[in-house]
Amino acid sequence: MAITLMHRRSNFQRLPTKTAAFLSPSPPKSSSFLSFSTSFLLLVLLTIWSLSIILSSSFQICFSSRKLDSYCISSGALSHSLRHLIIPPSNLSRTFKPITANNEISEAIKLVEEKLHIMRKWASTNNNINCSGKGIFVYDLPSKFNKDLIAQCNKLLPWTDLCEFLVNDGIGLPIPRLGPGWYRTHQYSLEPIFHSRVLNHRCRVSDPAQARLFYVPFYAGLDVLRWHFANASISDKDKLSNELVKWLETRPEWTRRSGRDHMFVLGKISWDFRRVGDGPWGSNFLSLPEMQSPFKFLIERQPWELNEIGIPHPTHFHPHSDDDIAAWQARVASSVRGKLVSFVGAARPESTESIRSVLIKQCTTAAAAAACRFVDCGGGRCGDPGDVMTTFMESEFCLQPPGDSPTRKSVFDGLVAGCIPVIFNPFTAYYQYPWHLPEDYQKYSVYVDEEEVRTGKVDVMERLRAVEPDKRKEMRRYIIYELMPGLLYGDAGSQFRRFRDSFGIIMDSMIEMTSKLE
């Protein structure tokens, strides 16, 4: 991966390759946010940004990576480039010492935290919202925007038939081995899952005049997925997105507030919808001017967008009732955890920035082998959710390093199993899910700096052994009884009274927010 800074009047020197992860709008591979080089890079970018505002000059930041051959951001959008920076939360940066007299980096961190704080304030704590005057209208889109994409389930990926994963309103085929509510759910199936739940929401109305919130069931993730590995033109990749926008612009409900009271749920990461120019990866859906006002919910958000909110990846557990959740909580709480640590994943030998090989080596050495279980997912060897969940349920800690992007579905699979996640990159969880994970990350996770692992300064196994048993017990209690229900997506007909699942948190929050719009 490489970065080039270009200016109208002069050319900047090419930056070192290892700095690319901090700027790339493609999924970042790693972060070294405590290092001098990163601090210097942040200072350079912030200085350039300030000068660009003062001088109104123009330049571009261009990236190249495995997925994005060409991604350029002009000076007019430079503030968005700063939004891609991986900056640690304040409670992770106690030892972070800015090298600038004007404290620009601390100000940048403060801005990130302010946005997260605003989003957290939007989250509703009311699980018994009165629907009067707060109706939800679900657009009946032409089938090409959703149902027809499901019908292409055997063609979306060249090596996998997704049809068995997308039946049952997107939750997939049942997994009897794990009990009621467990299904073979694909990581990219959130769009039909969410759609089916909204259709059954108690506040749904058939008359748009009675609605304050409008849900657009466009399966943009499935649309972009079918072009990822196809020899397709830019016009093909953007066609359905452009048609959707044109269709919405014919609706008075959309034009009344320019989409501010509309919401989209997209089942892939934000970077897949932010292609710039003629790059080969993804669509331009979220870059369209019309898409700046609505609320977008994604499994991995663009870190600086206030109306782009990260929501949990779908797990394999889709309970139907409160009793289903309570039964699973009891089962997980009583699970015997014979392993201190587990890592379920594959190495990334092609990525020099990945810490996975280091973690695998630490896990599998003779001294650690008795305490750590490595499940190699290379070549698709982790296709059985039952085996994965069993590993998580038998482990106290689950290693969750970044993969092709910072976030991992495995984080939520592990939490549902009561396994304490070990986070190495703050964008894996801490900056992603303000409505579903608490600001105090120490309640549910252990943080180990990614760069310390990469440079061999920390033995993760020893770090985790040092966590007191009482602390582990309290963290697990919090995960199982406080956190887990809000990370789940119930099935299409689910009804909850005692608990509130992820879907309930999202919809309650959006109903409250849009009901206040003038």
Protein backbone atom coordinates (compact mmCIF):
# COMPACT_ATOMS: atom_id res chain seq x y z
CA MET A 1 0.00 0.00 0.00
CA ALA A 2 1.28 3.49 -0.81
CA ILE A 3 0.20 7.09 -0.38
CA THR A 4 0.94 10.10 -2.51
CA LEU A 5 0.21 13.72 -1.58
CA MET A 6 -0.29 16.00 -4.57
CA HIS A 7 -0.67 19.77 -4.68
CA ARG A 8 -1.64 22.02 -7.55
CA ARG A 9 1.48 24.11 -7.14
CA SER A 10 3.96 21.49 -5.98
CA ASN A 11 4.35 17.79 -5.32
CA PHE A 12 4.85 16.40 -1.83
CA GLN A 13 7.28 13.58 -1.23
CA ARG A 14 5.83 10.08 -1.16
CA LEU A 15 5.24 8.97 2.39
CA PRO A 16 6.62 5.70 3.78
CA THR A 17 4.52 2.66 2.97
CA LYS A 18 3.94 1.77 6.61
CA THR A 19 1.98 4.98 7.19
CA ALA A 20 -0.74 3.98 4.74
CA ALA A 21 -2.87 2.18 7.28
CA PHE A 22 -3.61 5.45 9.05
CA LEU A 23 -5.04 7.17 6.01
CA SER A 24 -6.44 4.52 3.75
CA PRO A 25 -10.18 4.69 3.12
CA SER A 26 -9.89 1.02 2.29
CA PRO A 27 -10.16 -1.24 5.34
CA PRO A 28 -7.16 -0.29 7.53
CA LYS A 29 -4.87 -3.20 8.24
CA SER A 30 -3.25 -1.93 11.43
CA SER A 31 -2.64 1.04 13.68
CA SER A 32 0.47 2.27 15.41
CA PHE A 33 -1.13 5.26 16.98
CA LEU A 34 1.33 5.73 19.84
CA SER A 35 4.40 5.89 17.65
CA PHE A 36 6.38 9.03 16.80
CA SER A 37 5.85 8.44 13.08
CA THR A 38 2.08 8.48 13.50
CA SER A 39 2.17 11.58 15.64
CA PHE A 40 4.32 13.28 13.04
CA LEU A 41 1.99 12.14 10.26
CA LEU A 42 -1.04 13.47 12.11
CA LEU A 43 0.75 16.78 12.65
CA VAL A 44 1.62 17.04 8.95
CA LEU A 45 -1.97 16.34 7.88
CA LEU A 46 -3.47 18.72 10.41
CA THR A 47 -1.03 21.45 9.41
CA ILE A 48 -1.81 20.95 5.72
CA TRP A 49 -5.52 20.98 6.50
CA SER A 50 -5.21 24.26 8.40
CA LEU A 51 -3.17 25.85 5.64
CA SER A 52 -5.61 24.65 3.01
CA ILE A 53 -8.44 26.43 4.79
CA ILE A 54 -6.42 29.64 5.13
CA LEU A 55 -4.96 29.65 1.63
CA SER A 56 -7.88 27.96 -0.12
CA SER A 57 -5.35 26.01 -2.17
CA SER A 58 -6.07 22.62 -3.63
CA PHE A 59 -4.43 19.25 -3.31
CA GLN A 60 -5.23 15.58 -3.21
CA ILE A 61 -4.35 12.60 -1.05
CA CYS A 62 -4.19 9.46 -3.16
CA PHE A 63 -4.01 5.87 -1.98
CA SER A 64 -3.30 2.53 -3.52
CA SER A 65 -3.96 -0.79 -1.83
CA ARG A 66 -4.96 -4.36 -2.46
CA LYS A 67 -8.59 -3.35 -2.83
CA LEU A 68 -8.33 0.26 -3.95
CA ASP A 69 -6.03 0.98 -6.85
CA SER A 70 -7.03 4.61 -6.92
CA TYR A 71 -8.67 6.59 -4.15
CA CYS A 72 -8.09 10.36 -4.15
CA ILE A 73 -9.51 12.97 -1.81
CA SER A 74 -9.37 16.60 -2.85
CA SER A 75 -8.72 19.56 -0.56
CA GLY A 76 -12.42 20.26 -0.49
CA ALA A 77 -12.90 16.93 1.22
CA LEU A 78 -9.74 16.91 3.30
CA SER A 79 -11.70 17.07 6.50
CA HIS A 80 -13.06 13.70 5.45
CA SER A 81 -9.55 12.35 5.07
CA LEU A 82 -8.87 13.29 8.68
CA ARG A 83 -11.94 11.29 9.54
CA HIS A 84 -10.12 8.16 8.47
CA LEU A 85 -7.36 8.55 11.05
CA ILE A 86 -7.08 5.86 13.65
CA ILE A 87 -6.88 7.78 16.94
CA PRO A 88 -7.08 6.09 20.35
CA PRO A 89 -9.90 6.92 22.75
CA SER A 90 -8.86 9.22 25.58
CA ASN A 91 -8.94 6.40 28.09
CA LEU A 92 -6.50 4.50 25.86
CA SER A 93 -4.16 7.44 25.44
CA ARG A 94 -3.01 8.27 28.95
CA THR A 95 0.59 7.82 27.78
CA PHE A 96 0.00 9.61 24.49
CA LYS A 97 2.20 12.74 24.48
CA PRO A 98 1.56 15.08 21.54
CA ILE A 99 4.78 16.49 20.10
CA THR A 100 3.26 19.82 19.09
CA ALA A 101 3.15 23.02 21.09
CA ASN A 102 -0.36 23.81 19.87
CA ASN A 103 -1.68 20.40 20.87
CA GLU A 104 -3.34 19.82 17.48
CA ILE A 105 -3.45 16.06 17.94
CA SER A 106 -5.21 16.32 21.28
CA GLU A 107 -7.74 18.58 19.61
CA ALA A 108 -8.30 15.99 16.89
CA ILE A 109 -8.86 13.30 19.54
CA LYS A 110 -11.28 15.62 21.31
CA LEU A 111 -13.31 16.06 18.12
CA VAL A 112 -13.60 12.31 17.65
CA GLU A 113 -14.80 11.85 21.20
CA GLU A 114 -17.27 14.71 20.93
CA LYS A 115 -18.94 13.05 17.94
CA LEU A 116 -19.13 9.74 19.76
CA HIS A 117 -20.56 11.49 22.79
CA ILE A 118 -23.27 13.09 20.66
CA MET A 119 -24.20 9.74 19.13
CA ARG A 120 -24.37 8.08 22.54
CA LYS A 121 -26.80 10.76 23.69
CA TRP A 122 -29.11 9.81 20.83
CA ALA A 123 -29.47 6.24 22.09
CA SER A 124 -32.89 5.68 23.62
CA THR A 125 -33.24 4.14 27.06
CA ASN A 126 -36.99 3.77 26.63
CA ASN A 127 -38.08 0.28 25.63
CA ASN A 128 -41.79 1.07 25.78
CA ILE A 129 -42.22 3.83 23.23
CA ASN A 130 -45.73 5.02 22.50
CA CYS A 131 -46.35 4.77 18.74
CA SER A 132 -48.88 7.58 18.68
CA GLY A 133 -47.68 10.15 16.16
CA LYS A 134 -44.42 8.21 15.73
CA GLY A 135 -45.24 5.85 12.90
CA ILE A 136 -42.69 4.01 10.74
CA PHE A 137 -43.26 3.82 7.02
CA VAL A 138 -41.51 1.08 5.04
CA TYR A 139 -41.12 1.83 1.35
CA ASP A 140 -42.37 -0.84 -1.01
CA LEU A 141 -39.43 -0.57 -3.39
CA PRO A 142 -39.37 -2.17 -6.82
CA SER A 143 -38.09 -5.72 -6.38
CA LYS A 144 -34.82 -5.00 -8.18
CA PHE A 145 -33.65 -3.13 -5.07
CA ASN A 146 -34.05 -6.08 -2.69
CA LYS A 147 -35.96 -9.27 -3.53
CA ASP A 148 -34.29 -9.75 -6.90
CA LEU A 149 -30.88 -9.56 -5.22
CA ILE A 150 -31.88 -12.34 -2.84
CA ALA A 151 -32.98 -14.38 -5.85
CA GLN A 152 -29.39 -14.15 -7.15
CA CYS A 153 -28.06 -15.79 -3.97
CA ASN A 154 -26.20 -18.47 -5.92
CA LYS A 155 -24.37 -15.84 -8.00
CA LEU A 156 -23.39 -13.20 -5.43
CA LEU A 157 -20.00 -14.81 -4.73
CA PRO A 158 -18.08 -16.93 -7.22
CA TRP A 159 -16.98 -19.56 -4.67
CA THR A 160 -20.00 -19.79 -2.33
CA ASP A 161 -23.70 -20.41 -2.83
CA LEU A 162 -25.34 -18.06 -0.34
CA CYS A 163 -28.86 -19.41 -0.76
CA GLU A 164 -28.75 -21.59 2.38
CA PHE A 165 -27.64 -18.54 4.37
CA LEU A 166 -30.34 -16.16 3.09
CA VAL A 167 -33.45 -18.30 3.61
CA ASN A 168 -35.74 -17.67 6.60
CA ASP A 169 -35.73 -13.90 6.09
CA GLY A 170 -31.94 -13.83 5.94
CA ILE A 171 -31.09 -15.81 9.08
CA GLY A 172 -30.34 -19.03 7.20
CA LEU A 173 -30.89 -22.69 7.98
CA PRO A 174 -31.26 -23.85 11.62
CA ILE A 175 -28.39 -25.31 13.67
CA PRO A 176 -30.10 -27.94 15.88
CA ARG A 177 -26.82 -28.74 17.65
CA LEU A 178 -26.84 -25.34 19.36
CA GLY A 179 -30.53 -25.34 20.24
CA PRO A 180 -33.53 -23.07 19.49
CA GLY A 181 -32.79 -19.76 17.80
CA TRP A 182 -29.50 -20.78 16.18
CA TYR A 183 -29.01 -20.47 12.42
CA ARG A 184 -26.35 -20.48 9.72
CA THR A 185 -26.34 -16.71 9.36
CA HIS A 186 -23.96 -15.11 6.90
CA GLN A 187 -21.99 -12.06 7.98
CA TYR A 188 -23.47 -10.00 5.11
CA SER A 189 -27.12 -10.89 5.65
CA LEU A 190 -28.15 -8.00 7.89
CA GLU A 191 -30.24 -6.24 5.23
CA PRO A 192 -32.98 -8.89 4.82
CA ILE A 193 -32.87 -9.63 8.58
CA PHE A 194 -33.54 -6.00 9.43
CA HIS A 195 -36.14 -5.60 6.69
CA SER A 196 -38.19 -8.51 8.01
CA ARG A 197 -38.14 -7.06 11.52
CA VAL A 198 -39.25 -3.58 10.43
CA LEU A 199 -42.16 -5.06 8.52
CA ASN A 200 -43.42 -6.50 11.81
CA HIS A 201 -42.72 -3.44 13.97
CA ARG A 202 -45.68 -2.40 16.12
CA CYS A 203 -45.30 1.25 15.02
CA ARG A 204 -45.41 0.50 11.31
CA VAL A 205 -48.02 2.47 9.36
CA SER A 206 -49.31 2.05 5.82
CA ASP A 207 -49.97 5.74 5.26
CA PRO A 208 -46.76 7.81 4.88
CA ALA A 209 -48.67 10.87 6.13
CA GLN A 210 -48.82 9.20 9.55
CA ALA A 211 -45.09 8.46 9.68
CA ARG A 212 -42.22 10.30 11.30
CA LEU A 213 -39.57 7.74 10.32
CA PHE A 214 -39.03 6.24 6.87
CA TYR A 215 -37.12 3.00 6.30
CA VAL A 216 -35.65 2.35 2.84
CA PRO A 217 -35.14 -1.43 2.33
CA PHE A 218 -32.39 -1.18 -0.28
CA TYR A 219 -30.03 -4.17 -0.07
CA ALA A 220 -27.02 -2.11 -1.09
CA GLY A 221 -24.61 -4.56 0.52
CA LEU A 222 -25.82 -7.47 -1.58
CA ASP A 223 -25.75 -5.21 -4.62
CA VAL A 224 -22.11 -4.27 -4.10
CA LEU A 225 -21.18 -7.82 -3.12
CA ARG A 226 -22.12 -9.21 -6.52
CA TRP A 227 -19.65 -6.86 -8.25
CA HIS A 228 -16.68 -7.32 -5.90
CA PHE A 229 -15.11 -10.15 -7.85
CA ALA A 230 -16.78 -9.65 -11.21
CA ASN A 231 -15.35 -8.02 -14.29
CA ALA A 232 -17.84 -5.16 -14.17
CA SER A 233 -17.80 -1.56 -15.30
CA ILE A 234 -18.15 1.45 -13.01
CA SER A 235 -21.58 2.13 -14.48
CA ASP A 236 -22.70 -1.39 -13.55
CA LYS A 237 -21.47 -1.00 -9.97
CA ASP A 238 -23.26 2.32 -9.50
CA LYS A 239 -26.37 1.67 -11.56
CA LEU A 240 -28.71 0.40 -8.86
CA SER A 241 -27.61 3.03 -6.33
CA ASN A 242 -28.24 5.83 -8.81
CA GLU A 243 -31.61 4.39 -9.75
CA LEU A 244 -32.58 4.16 -6.08
CA VAL A 245 -31.79 7.84 -5.52
CA LYS A 246 -33.77 8.85 -8.59
CA TRP A 247 -36.71 6.75 -7.37
CA LEU A 248 -36.63 8.40 -3.94
CA GLU A 249 -36.53 11.86 -5.46
CA THR A 250 -39.98 11.21 -6.94
CA ARG A 251 -41.38 10.76 -3.44
CA PRO A 252 -42.67 13.84 -1.55
CA GLU A 253 -41.72 12.14 1.75
CA TRP A 254 -38.08 12.22 0.69
CA THR A 255 -37.99 15.75 -0.70
CA ARG A 256 -39.80 17.24 2.32
CA ARG A 257 -36.72 16.95 4.56
CA SER A 258 -34.11 15.87 1.98
CA GLY A 259 -34.06 12.42 3.59
CA ARG A 260 -33.22 13.61 7.13
CA ASP A 261 -35.99 11.42 8.56
CA HIS A 262 -34.98 8.39 6.47
CA MET A 263 -32.80 5.45 7.45
CA PHE A 264 -30.83 2.81 5.58
CA VAL A 265 -29.33 -0.40 6.94
CA LEU A 266 -26.36 -1.63 4.92
CA GLY A 267 -24.91 -5.08 5.50
CA LYS A 268 -21.30 -4.35 4.57
CA ILE A 269 -18.59 -1.96 5.69
CA SER A 270 -18.68 1.74 4.88
CA TRP A 271 -15.58 1.61 2.66
CA ASP A 272 -17.42 -0.68 0.22
CA PHE A 273 -19.79 2.18 -0.59
CA ARG A 274 -17.22 4.97 -0.82
CA ARG A 275 -15.37 4.32 -4.04
CA VAL A 276 -13.86 7.47 -5.52
CA GLY A 277 -13.23 7.86 -9.22
CA ASP A 278 -12.79 4.75 -11.32
CA GLY A 279 -11.24 2.55 -8.63
CA PRO A 280 -12.09 -1.14 -8.93
CA TRP A 281 -13.59 -1.73 -5.48
CA GLY A 282 -17.12 -0.98 -4.33
CA SER A 283 -19.79 1.51 -5.31
CA ASN A 284 -20.17 5.26 -4.82
CA PHE A 285 -23.47 4.97 -2.93
CA LEU A 286 -22.45 6.75 0.29
CA SER A 287 -20.52 9.38 -1.65
CA LEU A 288 -23.63 10.58 -3.47
CA PRO A 289 -24.76 14.07 -2.38
CA GLU A 290 -28.27 12.77 -1.78
CA MET A 291 -26.98 10.27 0.78
CA GLN A 292 -25.46 12.81 3.15
CA SER A 293 -28.66 13.62 5.06
CA PRO A 294 -30.21 10.21 5.86
CA PHE A 295 -29.08 8.00 8.73
CA LYS A 296 -27.01 5.04 7.67
CA PHE A 297 -26.44 1.97 9.84
CA LEU A 298 -23.56 -0.33 8.94
CA ILE A 299 -21.58 -3.18 10.47
CA GLU A 300 -18.54 -0.91 10.18
CA ARG A 301 -18.95 2.83 10.06
CA GLN A 302 -16.92 5.67 8.57
CA PRO A 303 -15.37 7.02 11.77
CA TRP A 304 -16.11 10.71 11.36
CA GLU A 305 -19.66 10.73 9.96
CA LEU A 306 -22.16 11.78 12.63
CA ASN A 307 -25.16 10.21 10.91
CA GLU A 308 -23.36 6.96 10.07
CA ILE A 309 -23.70 4.61 13.01
CA GLY A 310 -22.09 1.22 13.51
CA ILE A 311 -24.38 -1.62 14.59
CA PRO A 312 -23.49 -5.19 15.56
CA HIS A 313 -22.65 -7.80 12.96
CA PRO A 314 -25.39 -10.44 12.85
CA THR A 315 -24.47 -13.50 14.90
CA HIS A 316 -25.88 -17.01 14.54
CA PHE A 317 -28.29 -16.56 17.46
CA HIS A 318 -31.72 -15.12 16.65
CA PRO A 319 -33.97 -15.61 19.68
CA HIS A 320 -37.73 -15.55 19.41
CA SER A 321 -38.58 -14.63 23.00
CA ASP A 322 -37.22 -13.48 26.34
CA ASP A 323 -37.12 -17.12 27.43
CA ASP A 324 -34.75 -17.98 24.56
CA ILE A 325 -32.32 -15.27 25.69
CA ALA A 326 -32.56 -16.23 29.36
CA ALA A 327 -31.95 -19.90 28.57
CA TRP A 328 -28.86 -19.06 26.54
CA GLN A 329 -27.55 -16.76 29.26
CA ALA A 330 -27.82 -19.60 31.77
CA ARG A 331 -26.06 -22.02 29.44
CA VAL A 332 -23.18 -19.63 28.74
CA ALA A 333 -22.80 -18.65 32.39
CA SER A 334 -22.39 -22.30 33.40
CA SER A 335 -19.96 -23.19 30.61
CA VAL A 336 -16.65 -24.68 31.79
CA ARG A 337 -13.83 -22.57 30.38
CA GLY A 338 -10.85 -24.86 30.20
CA LYS A 339 -8.76 -22.56 28.01
CA LEU A 340 -7.44 -19.20 29.02
CA VAL A 341 -7.29 -17.91 25.44
CA SER A 342 -8.50 -18.81 21.97
CA PHE A 343 -7.96 -17.38 18.53
CA VAL A 344 -10.32 -18.38 15.75
CA GLY A 345 -9.04 -17.01 12.46
CA ALA A 346 -6.49 -17.25 9.72
CA ALA A 347 -3.04 -15.77 9.31
CA ARG A 348 -2.47 -12.90 6.91
CA PRO A 349 0.97 -13.77 5.49
CA GLU A 350 0.47 -11.34 2.60
CA SER A 351 0.04 -8.44 5.03
CA THR A 352 3.24 -7.22 6.65
CA GLU A 353 1.20 -5.03 9.01
CA SER A 354 -0.98 -7.84 10.38
CA ILE A 355 -0.24 -9.05 13.90
CA ARG A 356 -2.03 -12.34 13.38
CA SER A 357 1.11 -14.38 12.77
CA VAL A 358 2.64 -13.01 15.97
CA LEU A 359 -0.47 -13.93 17.94
CA ILE A 360 -0.59 -17.40 16.42
CA LYS A 361 3.04 -17.98 17.37
CA GLN A 362 2.46 -16.79 20.93
CA CYS A 363 -0.61 -18.99 21.18
CA THR A 364 0.97 -22.17 19.83
CA THR A 365 4.39 -22.15 21.51
CA ALA A 366 5.05 -25.01 23.90
CA ALA A 367 4.62 -22.86 27.02
CA ALA A 368 1.30 -21.45 25.89
CA ALA A 369 -0.21 -24.42 24.09
CA ALA A 370 -1.96 -25.75 27.20
CA ALA A 371 -3.65 -22.39 27.83
CA CYS A 372 -4.36 -21.20 24.26
CA ARG A 373 -6.32 -22.82 21.45
CA PHE A 374 -5.75 -21.73 17.87
CA VAL A 375 -8.45 -22.68 15.36
CA ASP A 376 -7.06 -22.18 11.87
CA CYS A 377 -9.74 -20.82 9.56
CA GLY A 378 -7.50 -20.79 6.50
CA GLY A 379 -9.14 -22.23 3.40
CA GLY A 380 -12.63 -21.86 4.87
CA ARG A 381 -12.04 -24.42 7.61
CA CYS A 382 -14.31 -22.60 10.10
CA GLY A 383 -17.54 -23.20 8.25
CA ASP A 384 -19.25 -24.95 11.18
CA PRO A 385 -20.67 -22.33 13.58
CA GLY A 386 -21.11 -25.03 16.20
CA ASP A 387 -17.36 -25.68 16.39
CA VAL A 388 -16.60 -21.97 16.57
CA MET A 389 -19.13 -21.26 19.28
CA THR A 390 -17.95 -24.27 21.30
CA THR A 391 -14.40 -22.91 21.20
CA PHE A 392 -15.57 -19.50 22.39
CA MET A 393 -17.69 -21.01 25.18
CA GLU A 394 -14.70 -22.98 26.47
CA SER A 395 -12.39 -19.93 26.53
CA GLU A 396 -12.02 -17.05 28.97
CA PHE A 397 -10.51 -14.63 26.44
CA CYS A 398 -10.89 -14.44 22.65
CA LEU A 399 -8.23 -12.70 20.56
CA GLN A 400 -9.82 -10.29 18.08
CA PRO A 401 -7.14 -8.74 15.84
CA PRO A 402 -8.23 -6.81 12.72
CA GLY A 403 -8.69 -8.75 9.52
CA ASP A 404 -9.42 -7.24 6.11
CA SER A 405 -10.90 -4.30 8.01
CA PRO A 406 -10.80 -3.26 11.67
CA THR A 407 -14.11 -4.83 12.71
CA ARG A 408 -14.83 -8.54 13.05
CA LYS A 409 -18.04 -10.54 13.24
CA SER A 410 -16.07 -12.77 15.56
CA VAL A 411 -16.15 -10.06 18.25
CA PHE A 412 -19.92 -10.48 18.53
CA ASP A 413 -19.86 -14.27 18.19
CA GLY A 414 -17.41 -14.33 21.08
CA LEU A 415 -19.45 -11.94 23.22
CA VAL A 416 -22.59 -14.02 22.67
CA ALA A 417 -20.56 -16.99 23.97
CA GLY A 418 -19.48 -15.03 27.04
CA CYS A 419 -15.87 -14.83 25.90
CA ILE A 420 -14.00 -11.65 26.87
CA PRO A 421 -12.66 -10.00 23.68
CA VAL A 422 -9.04 -8.91 23.48
CA ILE A 423 -8.98 -5.82 21.27
CA PHE A 424 -5.85 -4.58 19.52
CA ASN A 425 -7.23 -1.73 17.43
CA PRO A 426 -9.73 0.80 18.87
CA PHE A 427 -11.63 0.84 15.58
CA THR A 428 -12.46 -2.83 16.03
CA ALA A 429 -15.07 -1.89 18.62
CA TYR A 430 -14.54 1.27 20.67
CA TYR A 431 -15.18 3.79 17.88
CA GLN A 432 -17.79 1.75 16.04
CA TYR A 433 -20.85 0.93 18.15
CA PRO A 434 -21.90 3.89 20.36
CA TRP A 435 -25.45 2.58 20.83
CA HIS A 436 -24.51 -1.00 21.67
CA LEU A 437 -21.17 -0.97 23.50
CA PRO A 438 -20.40 1.19 26.55
CA GLU A 439 -17.86 3.97 26.53
CA ASP A 440 -15.95 2.24 29.35
CA TYR A 441 -14.34 -0.53 27.30
CA GLN A 442 -12.79 -2.10 30.41
CA LYS A 443 -16.20 -3.37 31.46
CA TYR A 444 -16.22 -5.95 28.70
CA SER A 445 -12.80 -6.16 26.99
CA VAL A 446 -9.03 -6.13 27.38
CA TYR A 447 -7.05 -3.71 25.24
CA VAL A 448 -3.52 -4.54 24.06
CA ASP A 449 -1.74 -2.06 21.83
CA GLU A 450 -1.28 -3.45 18.34
CA GLU A 451 2.15 -1.92 17.85
CA GLU A 452 3.46 -3.46 21.08
CA VAL A 453 2.44 -6.87 19.76
CA ARG A 454 3.99 -6.23 16.37
CA THR A 455 7.32 -5.16 17.84
CA GLY A 456 7.42 -7.97 20.39
CA LYS A 457 7.13 -5.71 23.43
CA VAL A 458 4.26 -7.65 24.95
CA ASP A 459 3.43 -11.32 25.45
CA VAL A 460 -0.34 -11.39 25.15
CA MET A 461 -0.62 -14.71 26.97
CA GLU A 462 1.21 -13.32 29.99
CA ARG A 463 -0.82 -10.11 29.88
CA LEU A 464 -4.05 -12.12 30.07
CA ARG A 465 -2.80 -14.42 32.80
CA ALA A 466 -2.27 -11.32 34.91
CA VAL A 467 -5.98 -10.45 34.81
CA GLU A 468 -7.32 -11.44 38.22
CA PRO A 469 -9.94 -14.24 38.27
CA ASP A 470 -12.43 -11.99 40.10
CA LYS A 471 -12.02 -9.36 37.38
CA ARG A 472 -12.63 -11.95 34.67
CA LYS A 473 -15.74 -13.15 36.49
CA GLU A 474 -17.16 -9.63 36.74
CA MET A 475 -16.44 -8.87 33.08
CA ARG A 476 -18.14 -12.09 32.02
CA ARG A 477 -21.16 -11.34 34.20
CA TYR A 478 -21.47 -7.92 32.55
CA ILE A 479 -21.14 -9.39 29.06
CA ILE A 480 -23.73 -12.12 29.61
CA TYR A 481 -26.37 -10.27 31.57
CA GLU A 482 -25.94 -6.62 30.62
CA LEU A 483 -24.45 -6.55 27.14
CA MET A 484 -25.46 -9.68 25.25
CA PRO A 485 -29.22 -9.08 24.72
CA GLY A 486 -28.53 -5.77 23.00
CA LEU A 487 -26.11 -7.40 20.54
CA LEU A 488 -28.63 -9.89 19.17
CA TYR A 489 -31.13 -9.69 16.31
CA GLY A 490 -34.32 -11.60 17.05
CA ASP A 491 -36.08 -13.61 14.36
CA ALA A 492 -38.74 -12.05 12.11
CA GLY A 493 -41.61 -12.65 14.53
CA SER A 494 -39.74 -12.16 17.78
CA GLN A 495 -41.37 -10.39 20.72
CA PHE A 496 -39.37 -9.15 23.71
CA ARG A 497 -40.63 -7.53 26.89
CA ARG A 498 -37.90 -8.15 29.45
CA PHE A 499 -35.02 -7.63 27.03
CA ARG A 500 -34.30 -5.26 24.16
CA ASP A 501 -32.29 -6.62 21.25
CA SER A 502 -30.06 -4.71 18.83
CA PHE A 503 -32.96 -4.04 16.49
CA GLY A 504 -35.04 -2.64 19.35
CA ILE A 505 -32.26 -0.29 20.43
CA ILE A 506 -31.87 1.04 16.89
CA MET A 507 -35.55 1.54 16.19
CA ASP A 508 -36.40 3.03 19.59
CA SER A 509 -33.56 5.51 19.19
CA MET A 510 -34.56 6.48 15.66
CA ILE A 511 -38.24 6.87 16.57
CA GLU A 512 -37.34 9.23 19.39
CA MET A 513 -34.93 11.24 17.25
CA THR A 514 -37.15 11.70 14.21
CA SER A 515 -40.22 12.49 16.31
CA LYS A 516 -38.40 15.66 17.40
CA LEU A 517 -37.79 16.89 13.86
CA GLU A 518 -39.70 19.97 12.79
